């Protein structure tokens, strides 16, 4: 599974952030490797320099073999929490989507 990490202009991309995302996603979604070909992670700061509560957003898009891509996003006050929430939502979406697929 290929993993790509992107940030908007308000969030500084670093190798540490990229490595952390890849390691976390690989550990969490290893069980879906047969179905997921690629995951794109997009971090954004919706308020930019203005700040504010829950202004960090993480969007995860998973591309599935033979199916349409699925997305999950989460807002939080920091990137770690935004990523964690998006991962939880994506895991739920993949469990639901793939259990329906296996049932047919």
C-alpha atoms as a PDB file:
ATOM      1  CA  UNK A   1       0.000   0.000   0.000  1.00  0.00           C
ATOM      2  CA  UNK A   2       1.388   3.359  -1.014  1.00  0.00           C
ATOM      3  CA  UNK A   3       0.972   6.251   1.436  1.00  0.00           C
ATOM      4  CA  UNK A   4       1.288   9.904   0.437  1.00  0.00           C
ATOM      5  CA  UNK A   5       1.262  12.754   3.000  1.00  0.00           C
ATOM      6  CA  UNK A   6       0.412  16.329   1.978  1.00  0.00           C
ATOM      7  CA  UNK A   7       0.123  19.596   3.892  1.00  0.00           C
ATOM      8  CA  UNK A   8      -1.278  22.990   3.025  1.00  0.00           C
ATOM      9  CA  UNK A   9       0.813  26.146   3.105  1.00  0.00           C
ATOM     10  CA  UNK A  10       0.000  26.808   6.785  1.00  0.00           C
ATOM     11  CA  UNK A  11       1.449  23.508   8.022  1.00  0.00           C
ATOM     12  CA  UNK A  12       5.131  22.760   7.724  1.00  0.00           C
ATOM     13  CA  UNK A  13       5.762  19.338   6.294  1.00  0.00           C
ATOM     14  CA  UNK A  14       8.636  17.463   7.898  1.00  0.00           C
ATOM     15  CA  UNK A  15      10.163  14.035   7.499  1.00  0.00           C
ATOM     16  CA  UNK A  16       9.115  13.272  11.097  1.00  0.00           C
ATOM     17  CA  UNK A  17       5.461  14.012  10.258  1.00  0.00           C
ATOM     18  CA  UNK A  18       5.611  11.911   7.088  1.00  0.00           C
ATOM     19  CA  UNK A  19       7.302   8.978   8.858  1.00  0.00           C
ATOM     20  CA  UNK A  20       4.858   9.159  11.777  1.00  0.00           C
ATOM     21  CA  UNK A  21       1.859   9.123   9.437  1.00  0.00           C
ATOM     22  CA  UNK A  22       3.189   6.243   7.370  1.00  0.00           C
ATOM     23  CA  UNK A  23       4.094   4.133  10.406  1.00  0.00           C
ATOM     24  CA  UNK A  24       0.751   4.792  12.079  1.00  0.00           C
ATOM     25  CA  UNK A  25      -1.302   4.096   8.959  1.00  0.00           C
ATOM     26  CA  UNK A  26       0.629   0.935   8.094  1.00  0.00           C
ATOM     27  CA  UNK A  27       0.087  -0.423  11.609  1.00  0.00           C
ATOM     28  CA  UNK A  28      -3.607   0.455  11.685  1.00  0.00           C
ATOM     29  CA  UNK A  29      -4.557  -0.580   8.146  1.00  0.00           C
ATOM     30  CA  UNK A  30      -2.274  -3.573   7.576  1.00  0.00           C
ATOM     31  CA  UNK A  31      -5.336  -5.827   7.813  1.00  0.00           C
ATOM     32  CA  UNK A  32      -6.827  -4.065   4.765  1.00  0.00           C
ATOM     33  CA  UNK A  33      -3.700  -4.324   2.603  1.00  0.00           C
ATOM     34  CA  UNK A  34      -5.376  -6.831   0.287  1.00  0.00           C
ATOM     35  CA  UNK A  35      -8.022  -4.227  -0.638  1.00  0.00           C
ATOM     36  CA  UNK A  36      -6.354  -0.805  -0.245  1.00  0.00           C
ATOM     37  CA  UNK A  37      -3.854   0.203  -2.925  1.00  0.00           C
ATOM     38  CA  UNK A  38      -3.117   3.740  -1.799  1.00  0.00           C
ATOM     39  CA  UNK A  39      -3.843   6.171   1.019  1.00  0.00           C
ATOM     40  CA  UNK A  40      -3.515   9.932   0.716  1.00  0.00           C
ATOM     41  CA  UNK A  41      -3.359  12.037   3.873  1.00  0.00           C
ATOM     42  CA  UNK A  42      -4.048  15.761   3.653  1.00  0.00           C
ATOM     43  CA  UNK A  43      -3.400  18.081   6.601  1.00  0.00           C
ATOM     44  CA  UNK A  44      -4.744  21.620   6.607  1.00  0.00           C
ATOM     45  CA  UNK A  45      -5.039  24.523   8.997  1.00  0.00           C
ATOM     46  CA  UNK A  46      -8.416  25.991   8.203  1.00  0.00           C
ATOM     47  CA  UNK A  47      -7.879  29.270  10.062  1.00  0.00           C
ATOM     48  CA  UNK A  48      -4.268  29.781   9.014  1.00  0.00           C
ATOM     49  CA  UNK A  49      -2.415  32.301  11.138  1.00  0.00           C
ATOM     50  CA  UNK A  50      -5.613  33.378  12.922  1.00  0.00           C
ATOM     51  CA  UNK A  51      -5.640  30.269  15.124  1.00  0.00           C
ATOM     52  CA  UNK A  52      -8.721  28.894  16.823  1.00  0.00           C
ATOM     53  CA  UNK A  53     -10.086  25.720  18.346  1.00  0.00           C
ATOM     54  CA  UNK A  54     -10.303  22.578  16.243  1.00  0.00           C
ATOM     55  CA  UNK A  55      -8.877  24.303  13.175  1.00  0.00           C
ATOM     56  CA  UNK A  56      -6.514  21.472  12.185  1.00  0.00           C
ATOM     57  CA  UNK A  57      -8.040  19.071   9.685  1.00  0.00           C
ATOM     58  CA  UNK A  58      -6.894  15.655   8.555  1.00  0.00           C
ATOM     59  CA  UNK A  59      -8.483  14.074   5.503  1.00  0.00           C
ATOM     60  CA  UNK A  60      -7.641  10.495   4.565  1.00  0.00           C
ATOM     61  CA  UNK A  61      -8.565   9.101   1.163  1.00  0.00           C
ATOM     62  CA  UNK A  62      -8.249   5.359   0.588  1.00  0.00           C
ATOM     63  CA  UNK A  63      -8.222   3.981  -2.929  1.00  0.00           C
ATOM     64  CA  UNK A  64      -9.711   0.491  -3.033  1.00  0.00           C
ATOM     65  CA  UNK A  65      -9.203  -2.221  -5.654  1.00  0.00           C
ATOM     66  CA  UNK A  66     -12.226  -2.297  -7.929  1.00  0.00           C
ATOM     67  CA  UNK A  67     -14.218   0.225  -5.862  1.00  0.00           C
ATOM     68  CA  UNK A  68     -14.600   3.979  -5.582  1.00  0.00           C
ATOM     69  CA  UNK A  69     -12.246   5.759  -3.166  1.00  0.00           C
ATOM     70  CA  UNK A  70     -13.524   6.434   0.352  1.00  0.00           C
ATOM     71  CA  UNK A  71     -12.676   9.408   2.553  1.00  0.00           C
ATOM     72  CA  UNK A  72     -12.741  10.301   6.216  1.00  0.00           C
ATOM     73  CA  UNK A  73     -11.867  13.595   7.850  1.00  0.00           C
ATOM     74  CA  UNK A  74     -11.520  14.930  11.358  1.00  0.00           C
ATOM     75  CA  UNK A  75     -11.011  18.344  12.954  1.00  0.00           C
ATOM     76  CA  UNK A  76      -8.993  18.818  16.145  1.00  0.00           C
ATOM     77  CA  UNK A  77      -6.819  21.351  17.927  1.00  0.00           C
ATOM     78  CA  UNK A  78      -3.577  19.602  16.867  1.00  0.00           C
ATOM     79  CA  UNK A  79      -2.353  17.372  14.056  1.00  0.00           C
ATOM     80  CA  UNK A  80      -1.951  14.220  16.170  1.00  0.00           C
ATOM     81  CA  UNK A  81      -5.572  14.324  17.333  1.00  0.00           C
ATOM     82  CA  UNK A  82      -6.802  15.181  13.846  1.00  0.00           C
ATOM     83  CA  UNK A  83      -4.923  12.177  12.426  1.00  0.00           C
ATOM     84  CA  UNK A  84      -6.111   9.853  15.184  1.00  0.00           C
ATOM     85  CA  UNK A  85      -9.760  10.808  14.678  1.00  0.00           C
ATOM     86  CA  UNK A  86      -9.518  10.441  10.901  1.00  0.00           C
ATOM     87  CA  UNK A  87      -7.910   7.005  11.323  1.00  0.00           C
ATOM     88  CA  UNK A  88     -10.748   5.874  13.612  1.00  0.00           C
ATOM     89  CA  UNK A  89     -13.342   7.056  11.104  1.00  0.00           C
ATOM     90  CA  UNK A  90     -11.522   5.443   8.164  1.00  0.00           C
ATOM     91  CA  UNK A  91     -11.227   2.127  10.009  1.00  0.00           C
ATOM     92  CA  UNK A  92     -14.979   2.162  10.578  1.00  0.00           C
ATOM     93  CA  UNK A  93     -15.680   3.011   6.928  1.00  0.00           C
ATOM     94  CA  UNK A  94     -13.354   0.283   5.651  1.00  0.00           C
ATOM     95  CA  UNK A  95     -14.795  -2.312   8.041  1.00  0.00           C
ATOM     96  CA  UNK A  96     -18.310  -1.471   6.859  1.00  0.00           C
ATOM     97  CA  UNK A  97     -17.475  -1.249   3.149  1.00  0.00           C
ATOM     98  CA  UNK A  98     -15.408  -4.406   3.006  1.00  0.00           C
ATOM     99  CA  UNK A  99     -17.759  -6.478   5.179  1.00  0.00           C
ATOM    100  CA  UNK A 100     -20.526  -5.695   2.673  1.00  0.00           C
ATOM    101  CA  UNK A 101     -18.198  -6.703  -0.160  1.00  0.00           C
ATOM    102  CA  UNK A 102     -17.274  -9.978   1.536  1.00  0.00           C
ATOM    103  CA  UNK A 103     -20.958 -10.726   2.162  1.00  0.00           C
ATOM    104  CA  UNK A 104     -21.784 -10.739  -1.554  1.00  0.00           C
END
